[in-house]
Amino acid sequence: MQQTQKPEINLKTKKVLVVDDFFNFRLTLKNMMRSLGIMYIDDAASGEEAVRKMAVRLYDIILCDYNLGTGKSGQQVLEEGKFRGHINYSSIFIMITAENTHEMVMGAMEYQPDAYLVKPFAKEVLEKRIRNIATRKLNIRNIETAIADNDFDHALRVCEELMAQNPRNLSEIMKLKGEVLLKKADYKDAVEFYDKILERGNVGWAQLGRGRACLMMGNYENAREIFENIIAQNDKIMPAYDYLAKTLIKMNDPREAQNILMKATEISPRALLRHKHLGRLAYRNEDFSTAESSFKAALEQGKNSCFKSPEDYTSLAKALVHREAPQEGLKILGKALKEFPDSNDTRLHVSVAESYVYTRMNKTAEAKRALTEAEKSAAELADNIPRELALELAQAYMMTGDTDRGAVIIKKIVSSHHDDEEMLADVRAVFKEMDMVDQGEELIETTRDEIIRLNNEGVALARGGKLSEAIAYFEKAASHLPDNKIINANTAHVLMLDMKEKGAREEDLTRAKSYLDRVHKIDESYIDYAMLMAMYRELSAGMQV
């Protein structure tokens, strides 16, 4: 079978952004681009300027230096561009650097630029790199577009068509097919696909995909073995550490999960989100020394990042309390208010943390005053308080003597996450810190029993053939418990069972899909999600016939 020929790439129509803090080098790059016939060229002298320009114009090619002096680095330009959608599947992002250190490369790799170029380089090298990347992206454009539209069936068809042509980038198309199968929740087909690839040898991306499929299906032992083997073969494949940590948490081994993330941060020390995750996990494990160092790293790495948050400051402040440095913790909270001015969310984070710090310092009046400020911010945010922050607010109430009010908040949290062992571990940690372990366990078990009974009543209606009543019952329950994945999953299930009996309608399919989307957002590794999605696809296909 012959390979397809390279399509001709017209660079003259491309829009280019050149990012470098040195004027002369920006000028050099712009001249290189003009010599290739490109007329539309913008430049930026800083990361901040680059992000501002990317926000108002979608560039085809971005040439960005890694070290941009003060402010955002090239890595942070890349991460924010992807996070905010300024860089899409067709954009070409080339990282340029005068250095090629391990730390820099590992940090940038976390967000996967299309290529690296080390200064100095010739125009011919840059042109060849751009043309090769553009050709590859043109080849997979229809797949990426279908994925962006969540049209996974079409994406799979395009993958199969391209694979039959034996293109030069066959491996990349096969990798995309695996990703589509995972996104579609066809985990069984994904496993079969990855196994066929692995019969030819230890292909890293296929091993990683196989492990992810096992994780999603709840085969945690298999997933753990796969991710450990990947790391043993190549300890620079950073996603393997993250997925291994997730697997270990599912297996109720948070200590080993922490150890894995600690190893990962040693190899790639500039990954902000991993530092955050490690800090939270270490705090829950009562390893306050590691929590402190992780949150400090998150603050340092996050100075110019789109991922910085007030929670980084408040988490560090709480860790410092456990490290016998409460005054330092209060200073950190002051810095948070300066970093995020005019933010109700920040004021709530800081006030709750201040109440915690003052309580641990036995300054009751100050703790209650801070809690009063927290109440004002909480009222303005209404129901938009993240669950972790809501738990901290509950703890603040309980620590200042208002146990009943705190218990009401915690009961609501447990009701929404009664089967989330990671969240319940956080709840238990709150009660443990206040020497209320037995009371906490009683609240958790009582609330879980209530939700299980609530769920079982709806299931009984469905099994008794009363599907209309079951739908009304579960939809009412889901409106009260929008973050409970079991309730949402069963709501979608009874809707689809009803459609199997009476026939599918577009509006009913849309309702069912909205509940399935909630489930996936709450827990992408929910075991029954694949079965429910298969049922949904069958009903959708029936409507199209």
Protein backbone atom coordinates (compact mmCIF):
# COMPACT_ATOMS: atom_id res chain seq x y z
CA MET A 1 0.00 0.00 0.00
CA GLN A 2 1.42 3.36 -1.02
CA GLN A 3 1.65 6.33 1.27
CA THR A 4 -0.32 9.47 0.53
CA GLN A 5 1.62 12.40 -0.87
CA LYS A 6 2.35 15.52 1.12
CA PRO A 7 -0.17 18.31 0.47
CA GLU A 8 1.22 21.68 -0.53
CA ILE A 9 1.25 24.15 2.37
CA ASN A 10 0.65 27.82 1.55
CA LEU A 11 2.45 29.84 4.22
CA LYS A 12 1.60 33.21 2.68
CA THR A 13 -1.89 33.22 4.21
CA LYS A 14 -0.72 32.43 7.74
CA LYS A 15 -1.00 34.86 10.66
CA VAL A 16 2.13 34.82 12.84
CA LEU A 17 2.92 36.03 16.36
CA VAL A 18 6.57 36.40 17.38
CA VAL A 19 7.19 36.56 21.15
CA ASP A 20 10.63 37.51 22.53
CA ASP A 21 11.83 40.09 25.03
CA PHE A 22 14.77 41.09 22.80
CA PHE A 23 13.89 43.49 19.99
CA ASN A 24 16.70 42.35 17.71
CA PHE A 25 15.67 38.71 17.85
CA ARG A 26 12.03 39.61 17.22
CA LEU A 27 13.22 41.54 14.17
CA THR A 28 15.29 38.56 13.00
CA LEU A 29 12.33 36.19 13.27
CA LYS A 30 9.99 38.62 11.52
CA ASN A 31 12.47 38.94 8.65
CA MET A 32 12.65 35.14 8.41
CA MET A 33 8.85 34.98 8.20
CA ARG A 34 8.70 37.71 5.55
CA SER A 35 11.27 35.86 3.45
CA LEU A 36 8.81 32.92 3.40
CA GLY A 37 6.17 35.19 1.88
CA ILE A 38 4.23 35.70 5.12
CA MET A 39 2.81 39.22 5.34
CA TYR A 40 0.68 39.19 8.52
CA ILE A 41 3.15 39.24 11.42
CA ASP A 42 2.59 40.59 14.95
CA ASP A 43 5.12 40.65 17.74
CA ALA A 44 5.10 40.86 21.55
CA ALA A 45 7.89 41.77 23.96
CA SER A 46 6.42 39.94 26.96
CA GLY A 47 4.24 36.99 27.84
CA GLU A 48 1.47 39.28 29.08
CA GLU A 49 1.42 41.18 25.77
CA ALA A 50 1.39 37.90 23.86
CA VAL A 51 -1.65 36.60 25.77
CA ARG A 52 -3.50 39.90 25.22
CA LYS A 53 -2.90 39.69 21.46
CA MET A 54 -3.83 36.00 21.35
CA ALA A 55 -7.13 36.86 23.06
CA VAL A 56 -8.25 39.10 20.18
CA ARG A 57 -6.76 37.25 17.22
CA LEU A 58 -6.33 33.55 16.43
CA TYR A 59 -2.78 33.06 15.13
CA ASP A 60 -1.80 30.22 12.84
CA ILE A 61 1.84 30.21 13.99
CA ILE A 62 3.26 31.33 17.35
CA LEU A 63 7.04 31.49 17.77
CA CYS A 64 7.67 32.04 21.48
CA ASP A 65 10.89 32.29 23.46
CA TYR A 66 10.89 30.31 26.69
CA ASN A 67 12.67 32.90 28.84
CA LEU A 68 10.83 36.23 28.52
CA GLY A 69 12.46 38.01 31.45
CA THR A 70 10.10 39.18 34.20
CA GLY A 71 6.46 38.14 33.96
CA LYS A 72 5.05 35.14 32.13
CA SER A 73 7.44 32.58 30.70
CA GLY A 74 6.96 30.92 27.33
CA GLN A 75 5.61 27.88 29.17
CA GLN A 76 2.95 30.04 30.83
CA VAL A 77 2.03 31.64 27.50
CA LEU A 78 1.50 28.14 26.12
CA GLU A 79 -0.50 26.90 29.11
CA GLU A 80 -2.76 29.96 29.18
CA GLY A 81 -3.23 29.91 25.42
CA LYS A 82 -4.46 26.32 25.59
CA PHE A 83 -6.49 26.86 28.76
CA ARG A 84 -8.37 29.86 27.34
CA GLY A 85 -8.76 28.44 23.84
CA HIS A 86 -6.44 30.97 22.17
CA ILE A 87 -4.45 28.01 20.82
CA ASN A 88 -6.54 25.39 19.08
CA TYR A 89 -5.89 22.14 17.23
CA SER A 90 -4.73 23.91 14.06
CA SER A 91 -2.37 26.41 15.75
CA ILE A 92 1.38 25.84 15.50
CA PHE A 93 3.26 26.72 18.71
CA ILE A 94 7.05 26.49 18.52
CA MET A 95 9.05 27.04 21.71
CA ILE A 96 12.36 28.80 21.15
CA THR A 97 15.12 28.78 23.75
CA ALA A 98 18.74 29.69 24.22
CA GLU A 99 19.02 26.90 26.79
CA ASN A 100 17.95 23.30 26.75
CA THR A 101 18.01 22.35 30.41
CA HIS A 102 16.21 19.30 31.72
CA GLU A 103 13.99 21.40 34.00
CA MET A 104 12.94 23.72 31.17
CA VAL A 105 12.20 20.91 28.73
CA MET A 106 10.22 18.87 31.25
CA GLY A 107 8.21 21.91 32.30
CA ALA A 108 7.30 22.89 28.75
CA MET A 109 6.53 19.28 27.79
CA GLU A 110 3.68 19.25 30.29
CA TYR A 111 1.73 21.44 27.83
CA GLN A 112 3.18 19.92 24.64
CA PRO A 113 4.39 22.59 22.23
CA ASP A 114 4.51 21.43 18.64
CA ALA A 115 8.31 21.76 18.52
CA TYR A 116 11.45 23.18 20.14
CA LEU A 117 14.15 25.19 18.45
CA VAL A 118 17.42 26.04 20.17
CA LYS A 119 19.03 29.39 19.26
CA PRO A 120 20.69 30.04 16.90
CA PHE A 121 18.99 28.34 13.95
CA ALA A 122 18.79 28.94 10.20
CA LYS A 123 15.74 30.10 8.29
CA GLU A 124 15.71 26.77 6.42
CA VAL A 125 15.44 24.83 9.68
CA LEU A 126 12.52 26.96 10.86
CA GLU A 127 10.73 26.68 7.52
CA LYS A 128 11.11 22.91 7.38
CA ARG A 129 9.80 22.55 10.93
CA ILE A 130 6.78 24.75 10.24
CA ARG A 131 5.92 22.98 6.98
CA ASN A 132 6.19 19.53 8.57
CA ILE A 133 3.94 20.51 11.47
CA ALA A 134 1.43 22.25 9.19
CA THR A 135 1.25 19.17 6.95
CA ARG A 136 0.65 16.91 9.92
CA LYS A 137 -2.06 19.16 11.35
CA LEU A 138 -3.80 19.48 7.99
CA ASN A 139 -3.92 15.69 7.80
CA ILE A 140 -5.75 15.33 11.13
CA ARG A 141 -7.83 18.53 10.95
CA ASN A 142 -11.15 16.74 10.37
CA ILE A 143 -10.53 14.39 13.30
CA GLU A 144 -9.74 17.24 15.66
CA THR A 145 -12.77 19.21 14.47
CA ALA A 146 -15.07 16.25 15.11
CA ILE A 147 -13.57 15.75 18.58
CA ALA A 148 -14.07 19.45 19.39
CA ASP A 149 -17.73 19.04 18.33
CA ASN A 150 -18.07 15.87 20.46
CA ASP A 151 -18.98 13.97 17.28
CA PHE A 152 -16.95 10.92 18.22
CA ASP A 153 -18.55 8.55 15.70
CA HIS A 154 -17.54 10.85 12.85
CA ALA A 155 -14.05 11.21 14.33
CA LEU A 156 -13.67 7.42 14.37
CA ARG A 157 -14.82 7.15 10.74
CA VAL A 158 -12.25 9.73 9.67
CA CYS A 159 -9.55 7.89 11.64
CA GLU A 160 -10.38 4.64 9.86
CA GLU A 161 -10.41 6.33 6.44
CA LEU A 162 -7.01 7.92 7.02
CA MET A 163 -5.49 4.78 8.49
CA ALA A 164 -6.53 2.87 5.36
CA GLN A 165 -4.45 5.33 3.31
CA ASN A 166 -1.29 4.50 5.32
CA PRO A 167 -0.27 8.17 5.77
CA ARG A 168 3.13 9.31 6.99
CA ASN A 169 1.68 10.19 10.39
CA LEU A 170 -0.12 6.86 10.84
CA SER A 171 1.02 6.56 14.46
CA GLU A 172 -0.49 9.93 15.36
CA ILE A 173 -3.82 9.03 13.76
CA MET A 174 -3.89 5.71 15.63
CA LYS A 175 -3.17 7.59 18.85
CA LEU A 176 -6.10 9.90 18.12
CA LYS A 177 -8.37 6.92 17.49
CA GLY A 178 -7.54 5.60 20.95
CA GLU A 179 -8.28 9.01 22.48
CA VAL A 180 -11.64 9.12 20.72
CA LEU A 181 -12.57 5.67 22.03
CA LEU A 182 -11.74 6.83 25.57
CA LYS A 183 -13.71 10.06 25.17
CA LYS A 184 -16.62 8.07 23.79
CA ALA A 185 -16.41 5.76 26.84
CA ASP A 186 -16.02 2.72 24.59
CA TYR A 187 -13.55 1.27 27.06
CA LYS A 188 -13.88 -2.33 25.91
CA ASP A 189 -13.16 -1.35 22.29
CA ALA A 190 -10.34 0.88 23.51
CA VAL A 191 -8.70 -2.04 25.35
CA GLU A 192 -8.96 -4.26 22.26
CA PHE A 193 -7.50 -1.47 20.08
CA TYR A 194 -4.59 -0.79 22.42
CA ASP A 195 -3.88 -4.51 22.80
CA LYS A 196 -3.51 -4.85 19.02
CA ILE A 197 -1.02 -1.98 19.02
CA LEU A 198 0.92 -3.48 21.93
CA GLU A 199 1.22 -6.82 20.15
CA ARG A 200 3.77 -5.05 17.92
CA GLY A 201 5.84 -3.77 20.86
CA ASN A 202 5.82 -1.53 23.91
CA VAL A 203 4.38 1.63 22.37
CA GLY A 204 4.29 4.24 25.14
CA TRP A 205 1.07 6.04 24.18
CA ALA A 206 -0.74 2.72 23.74
CA GLN A 207 0.39 1.51 27.16
CA LEU A 208 -0.82 4.76 28.70
CA GLY A 209 -4.17 4.50 26.91
CA ARG A 210 -4.56 0.86 28.01
CA GLY A 211 -3.94 1.89 31.61
CA ARG A 212 -6.43 4.75 31.39
CA ALA A 213 -9.10 2.40 30.02
CA CYS A 214 -8.50 0.02 32.95
CA LEU A 215 -8.76 2.93 35.39
CA MET A 216 -12.05 4.06 33.85
CA MET A 217 -13.46 0.52 34.01
CA GLY A 218 -12.49 0.14 37.67
CA ASN A 219 -9.78 -2.46 37.01
CA TYR A 220 -7.45 -0.73 39.43
CA GLU A 221 -4.92 -3.53 39.91
CA ASN A 222 -4.38 -3.80 36.16
CA ALA A 223 -4.17 -0.02 35.81
CA ARG A 224 -1.61 0.20 38.60
CA GLU A 225 0.56 -2.49 37.04
CA ILE A 226 0.45 -0.80 33.63
CA PHE A 227 1.37 2.67 34.92
CA GLU A 228 4.17 1.25 37.08
CA ASN A 229 5.57 -0.60 34.04
CA ILE A 230 5.48 2.56 31.95
CA ILE A 231 7.46 4.47 34.58
CA ALA A 232 9.93 1.59 34.94
CA GLN A 233 10.58 1.68 31.18
CA ASN A 234 10.70 5.49 30.87
CA ASP A 235 10.55 7.64 33.98
CA LYS A 236 10.02 10.83 31.91
CA ILE A 237 6.44 9.99 30.86
CA MET A 238 4.82 12.36 33.34
CA PRO A 239 1.12 11.54 32.76
CA ALA A 240 1.85 8.00 33.98
CA TYR A 241 2.65 9.41 37.44
CA ASP A 242 -0.58 11.39 37.55
CA TYR A 243 -2.73 8.45 36.48
CA LEU A 244 -0.90 6.13 38.86
CA ALA A 245 -1.62 8.54 41.72
CA LYS A 246 -5.31 8.64 40.73
CA THR A 247 -5.38 4.85 40.66
CA LEU A 248 -3.77 4.55 44.08
CA ILE A 249 -6.28 6.98 45.55
CA LYS A 250 -9.09 4.83 44.11
CA MET A 251 -7.38 1.87 45.80
CA ASN A 252 -7.40 3.78 49.10
CA ASP A 253 -3.63 4.15 49.25
CA PRO A 254 -3.13 7.93 49.54
CA ARG A 255 0.33 7.58 51.10
CA GLU A 256 1.73 5.79 48.08
CA ALA A 257 -0.10 8.21 45.79
CA GLN A 258 1.74 11.02 47.56
CA ASN A 259 5.07 9.26 47.10
CA ILE A 260 4.42 8.93 43.37
CA LEU A 261 3.61 12.63 42.99
CA MET A 262 6.71 13.55 45.00
CA LYS A 263 8.85 11.59 42.54
CA ALA A 264 7.09 13.31 39.64
CA THR A 265 7.75 16.80 41.00
CA GLU A 266 11.43 15.96 41.41
CA ILE A 267 11.64 15.04 37.71
CA SER A 268 9.45 17.91 36.47
CA PRO A 269 9.57 20.68 39.10
CA ARG A 270 7.73 23.35 37.07
CA ALA A 271 4.33 21.62 36.84
CA LEU A 272 2.08 23.91 38.87
CA LEU A 273 -1.06 21.75 38.93
CA ARG A 274 0.89 18.74 40.19
CA HIS A 275 2.34 20.80 43.06
CA LYS A 276 -1.21 21.79 44.03
CA HIS A 277 -2.40 18.19 43.94
CA LEU A 278 0.58 17.00 45.95
CA GLY A 279 0.05 19.72 48.55
CA ARG A 280 -3.61 18.80 49.06
CA LEU A 281 -2.79 15.10 49.28
CA ALA A 282 0.10 15.63 51.71
CA TYR A 283 -2.10 17.84 53.92
CA ARG A 284 -4.78 15.14 54.04
CA ASN A 285 -2.05 12.63 54.91
CA GLU A 286 -0.92 14.95 57.74
CA ASP A 287 2.51 15.34 56.15
CA PHE A 288 2.55 19.08 56.77
CA SER A 289 6.21 19.51 55.85
CA THR A 290 5.57 18.23 52.32
CA ALA A 291 2.33 20.21 52.17
CA GLU A 292 4.19 23.40 53.06
CA SER A 293 6.93 22.89 50.46
CA SER A 294 4.37 21.92 47.78
CA PHE A 295 2.16 24.95 48.35
CA LYS A 296 5.20 27.23 48.42
CA ALA A 297 6.25 25.77 45.08
CA ALA A 298 2.72 26.35 43.78
CA LEU A 299 2.90 30.00 44.82
CA GLU A 300 6.27 30.44 43.16
CA GLN A 301 5.28 28.65 39.95
CA GLY A 302 1.92 30.37 39.87
CA LYS A 303 3.07 34.00 40.09
CA ASN A 304 2.31 34.63 36.42
CA SER A 305 0.12 31.63 35.71
CA CYS A 306 -3.55 31.50 34.73
CA PHE A 307 -3.85 28.64 37.24
CA LYS A 308 -2.91 30.66 40.33
CA SER A 309 -5.70 30.83 42.90
CA PRO A 310 -6.38 32.16 46.42
CA GLU A 311 -6.60 28.56 47.58
CA ASP A 312 -2.82 28.25 47.09
CA TYR A 313 -2.31 30.96 49.73
CA THR A 314 -4.92 29.70 52.20
CA SER A 315 -3.69 26.10 51.91
CA LEU A 316 -0.14 27.25 52.65
CA ALA A 317 -1.36 29.30 55.62
CA LYS A 318 -3.09 26.28 57.13
CA ALA A 319 -0.03 24.11 56.56
CA LEU A 320 2.12 26.73 58.31
CA VAL A 321 -0.16 26.58 61.36
CA HIS A 322 0.64 22.89 61.66
CA ARG A 323 4.30 23.78 61.25
CA GLU A 324 4.04 26.07 64.31
CA ALA A 325 4.26 29.23 62.18
CA PRO A 326 0.78 30.84 62.42
CA GLN A 327 2.07 34.41 62.15
CA GLU A 328 3.75 33.56 58.88
CA GLY A 329 0.45 32.03 57.80
CA LEU A 330 -1.37 35.31 58.49
CA LYS A 331 1.19 37.18 56.37
CA ILE A 332 0.54 34.77 53.51
CA LEU A 333 -3.20 35.49 53.78
CA GLY A 334 -2.47 39.22 53.58
CA LYS A 335 -0.56 38.61 50.35
CA ALA A 336 -3.57 36.76 48.93
CA LEU A 337 -5.78 39.82 49.37
CA LYS A 338 -3.21 41.97 47.58
CA GLU A 339 -2.85 39.44 44.76
CA PHE A 340 -6.62 39.05 44.22
CA PRO A 341 -8.22 42.41 45.11
CA ASP A 342 -11.97 43.01 44.74
CA SER A 343 -12.82 39.31 44.74
CA ASN A 344 -15.61 37.85 46.89
CA ASP A 345 -14.20 34.41 46.27
CA THR A 346 -10.79 35.46 47.63
CA ARG A 347 -12.31 37.24 50.63
CA LEU A 348 -14.23 34.07 51.50
CA HIS A 349 -11.12 31.91 51.15
CA VAL A 350 -9.04 34.28 53.26
CA SER A 351 -11.67 34.93 55.96
CA VAL A 352 -12.29 31.21 56.46
CA ALA A 353 -8.55 30.56 56.66
CA GLU A 354 -8.06 33.47 59.08
CA SER A 355 -10.74 32.03 61.35
CA TYR A 356 -8.90 28.71 61.27
CA VAL A 357 -5.52 30.28 62.04
CA TYR A 358 -6.85 32.45 64.88
CA THR A 359 -8.70 29.52 66.40
CA ARG A 360 -5.50 27.48 66.44
CA MET A 361 -3.80 30.48 68.09
CA ASN A 362 -6.57 30.51 70.75
CA LYS A 363 -7.67 33.99 69.65
CA THR A 364 -11.41 33.35 69.81
CA ALA A 365 -12.62 36.92 69.23
CA GLU A 366 -10.48 37.33 66.12
CA ALA A 367 -11.61 33.93 64.84
CA LYS A 368 -15.28 34.84 65.19
CA ARG A 369 -14.72 38.24 63.57
CA ALA A 370 -13.07 36.57 60.59
CA LEU A 371 -15.96 34.09 60.38
CA THR A 372 -18.45 36.97 60.31
CA GLU A 373 -16.58 38.39 57.30
CA ALA A 374 -16.68 34.95 55.72
CA GLU A 375 -20.46 34.81 56.15
CA LYS A 376 -20.87 38.07 54.22
CA SER A 377 -18.81 36.79 51.29
CA ALA A 378 -20.58 33.41 51.39
CA ALA A 379 -23.96 35.13 51.17
CA GLU A 380 -22.87 37.02 48.05
CA LEU A 381 -21.57 33.85 46.40
CA ALA A 382 -24.76 31.93 47.30
CA ASP A 383 -24.59 28.38 45.89
CA ASN A 384 -21.37 28.96 43.93
CA ILE A 385 -19.05 27.92 46.75
CA PRO A 386 -16.67 25.06 45.81
CA ARG A 387 -17.19 21.97 47.93
CA GLU A 388 -13.67 22.09 49.41
CA LEU A 389 -14.23 25.67 50.54
CA ALA A 390 -17.69 24.82 51.85
CA LEU A 391 -16.07 22.10 53.97
CA GLU A 392 -13.56 24.61 55.35
CA LEU A 393 -16.40 27.00 56.16
CA ALA A 394 -18.18 24.20 58.00
CA GLN A 395 -15.00 23.48 59.94
CA ALA A 396 -14.70 27.17 60.87
CA TYR A 397 -18.23 27.14 62.31
CA MET A 398 -17.53 24.01 64.32
CA MET A 399 -14.17 25.24 65.60
CA THR A 400 -15.77 28.49 66.85
CA GLY A 401 -18.53 26.61 68.65
CA ASP A 402 -21.39 26.58 66.13
CA THR A 403 -21.35 22.80 65.68
CA ASP A 404 -24.93 22.52 64.39
CA ARG A 405 -24.40 25.02 61.58
CA GLY A 406 -21.20 23.32 60.52
CA ALA A 407 -22.89 19.92 60.60
CA VAL A 408 -25.65 21.14 58.26
CA ILE A 409 -23.07 22.14 55.65
CA ILE A 410 -21.16 18.89 56.00
CA LYS A 411 -24.36 16.87 55.73
CA LYS A 412 -25.10 18.61 52.42
CA ILE A 413 -21.59 17.81 51.18
CA VAL A 414 -21.86 14.15 52.15
CA SER A 415 -25.32 13.95 50.53
CA SER A 416 -23.84 15.07 47.22
CA HIS A 417 -20.72 12.89 47.48
CA HIS A 418 -21.80 9.91 49.58
CA ASP A 419 -19.75 7.46 47.49
CA ASP A 420 -16.69 9.68 46.94
CA GLU A 421 -14.11 8.18 49.27
CA GLU A 422 -11.61 10.98 48.63
CA MET A 423 -14.13 13.62 49.66
CA LEU A 424 -15.26 11.58 52.67
CA ALA A 425 -11.61 11.31 53.73
CA ASP A 426 -11.50 15.13 53.82
CA VAL A 427 -14.67 15.16 55.93
CA ARG A 428 -13.23 12.61 58.34
CA ALA A 429 -10.04 14.68 58.61
CA VAL A 430 -12.09 17.70 59.73
CA PHE A 431 -13.73 15.73 62.53
CA LYS A 432 -10.44 14.09 63.50
CA GLU A 433 -8.76 17.48 63.90
CA MET A 434 -11.49 18.49 66.35
CA ASP A 435 -11.39 15.16 68.25
CA MET A 436 -14.90 14.35 67.03
CA VAL A 437 -14.15 11.14 65.11
CA ASP A 438 -17.20 9.24 66.39
CA GLN A 439 -19.59 12.13 65.72
CA GLY A 440 -18.18 12.51 62.24
CA GLU A 441 -18.56 8.83 61.43
CA GLU A 442 -22.15 8.87 62.69
CA LEU A 443 -23.01 11.89 60.50
CA ILE A 444 -21.41 10.26 57.45
CA GLU A 445 -23.12 6.91 57.94
CA THR A 446 -26.53 8.43 58.72
CA THR A 447 -26.37 10.66 55.66
CA ARG A 448 -25.16 7.86 53.42
CA ASP A 449 -28.02 5.65 54.60
CA GLU A 450 -30.50 8.42 53.78
CA ILE A 451 -29.16 8.83 50.23
CA ILE A 452 -29.01 5.08 49.65
CA ARG A 453 -32.62 4.76 50.84
CA LEU A 454 -33.63 7.70 48.61
CA ASN A 455 -31.93 6.10 45.63
CA ASN A 456 -33.35 2.65 46.30
CA GLU A 457 -36.90 4.00 46.41
CA GLY A 458 -36.48 5.37 42.90
CA VAL A 459 -34.89 2.13 41.70
CA ALA A 460 -37.84 0.16 43.16
CA LEU A 461 -40.28 2.30 41.16
CA ALA A 462 -38.34 1.60 37.96
CA ARG A 463 -38.10 -2.14 38.64
CA GLY A 464 -41.81 -2.20 39.36
CA GLY A 465 -42.48 -0.87 35.88
CA LYS A 466 -43.53 2.59 37.10
CA LEU A 467 -41.08 4.40 34.85
CA SER A 468 -42.99 7.69 34.64
CA GLU A 469 -43.07 7.89 38.43
CA ALA A 470 -39.41 6.88 38.63
CA ILE A 471 -38.45 9.65 36.20
CA ALA A 472 -40.34 12.29 38.19
CA TYR A 473 -38.84 10.94 41.42
CA PHE A 474 -35.22 10.95 40.20
CA GLU A 475 -35.47 14.30 38.43
CA LYS A 476 -36.72 15.86 41.66
CA ALA A 477 -33.89 14.19 43.57
CA ALA A 478 -31.33 15.35 40.98
CA SER A 479 -32.57 18.95 41.29
CA HIS A 480 -31.84 18.81 45.02
CA LEU A 481 -28.60 16.85 44.63
CA PRO A 482 -27.06 18.09 41.34
CA ASP A 483 -23.56 16.92 42.36
CA ASN A 484 -24.53 13.35 43.28
CA LYS A 485 -23.32 11.15 40.45
CA ILE A 486 -25.42 8.10 41.45
CA ILE A 487 -28.66 10.09 41.46
CA ASN A 488 -27.78 11.73 38.13
CA ALA A 489 -26.75 8.40 36.60
CA ASN A 490 -30.02 6.75 37.65
CA THR A 491 -32.02 9.72 36.37
CA ALA A 492 -30.43 9.26 32.95
CA HIS A 493 -30.95 5.51 33.18
CA VAL A 494 -34.70 5.62 33.88
CA LEU A 495 -35.17 8.21 31.13
CA MET A 496 -33.48 5.87 28.66
CA LEU A 497 -35.38 2.81 29.91
CA ASP A 498 -38.59 4.72 29.25
CA MET A 499 -37.38 5.60 25.73
CA LYS A 500 -36.59 1.95 25.03
CA GLU A 501 -40.22 1.13 25.76
CA LYS A 502 -41.95 4.12 24.17
CA GLY A 503 -39.43 5.24 21.59
CA ALA A 504 -36.78 7.97 21.73
CA ARG A 505 -37.59 11.63 21.31
CA GLU A 506 -35.03 14.36 20.75
CA GLU A 507 -35.98 16.30 23.88
CA ASP A 508 -35.78 13.17 26.06
CA LEU A 509 -32.38 12.26 24.64
CA THR A 510 -31.19 15.79 25.41
CA ARG A 511 -32.44 15.48 29.00
CA ALA A 512 -30.71 12.13 29.45
CA LYS A 513 -27.46 13.46 27.97
CA SER A 514 -27.49 16.44 30.37
CA TYR A 515 -27.54 14.04 33.34
CA LEU A 516 -24.82 11.89 31.77
CA ASP A 517 -22.69 14.98 31.26
CA ARG A 518 -23.09 15.79 34.95
CA VAL A 519 -21.93 12.29 35.87
CA HIS A 520 -18.84 12.54 33.68
CA LYS A 521 -17.99 15.98 35.04
CA ILE A 522 -18.30 14.76 38.64
CA ASP A 523 -16.29 11.57 38.08
CA GLU A 524 -14.88 10.72 34.66
CA SER A 525 -13.94 7.26 35.93
CA TYR A 526 -17.47 6.33 37.11
CA ILE A 527 -17.74 2.60 36.42
CA ASP A 528 -21.26 2.54 34.93
CA TYR A 529 -20.70 5.53 32.65
CA ALA A 530 -19.57 3.38 29.71
CA MET A 531 -22.71 1.19 29.95
CA LEU A 532 -24.97 4.25 30.12
CA MET A 533 -23.25 5.91 27.16
CA ALA A 534 -23.61 2.71 25.11
CA MET A 535 -27.33 2.76 25.89
CA TYR A 536 -27.53 6.43 24.91
CA ARG A 537 -25.72 5.81 21.60
CA GLU A 538 -28.05 2.92 20.78
CA LEU A 539 -31.11 5.12 21.31
CA SER A 540 -29.56 7.96 19.30
CA ALA A 541 -28.73 5.62 16.43
CA GLY A 542 -32.30 4.31 16.47
CA MET A 543 -33.64 7.81 15.97
CA GLN A 544 -31.37 8.38 12.96
CA VAL A 545 -32.50 5.23 11.14
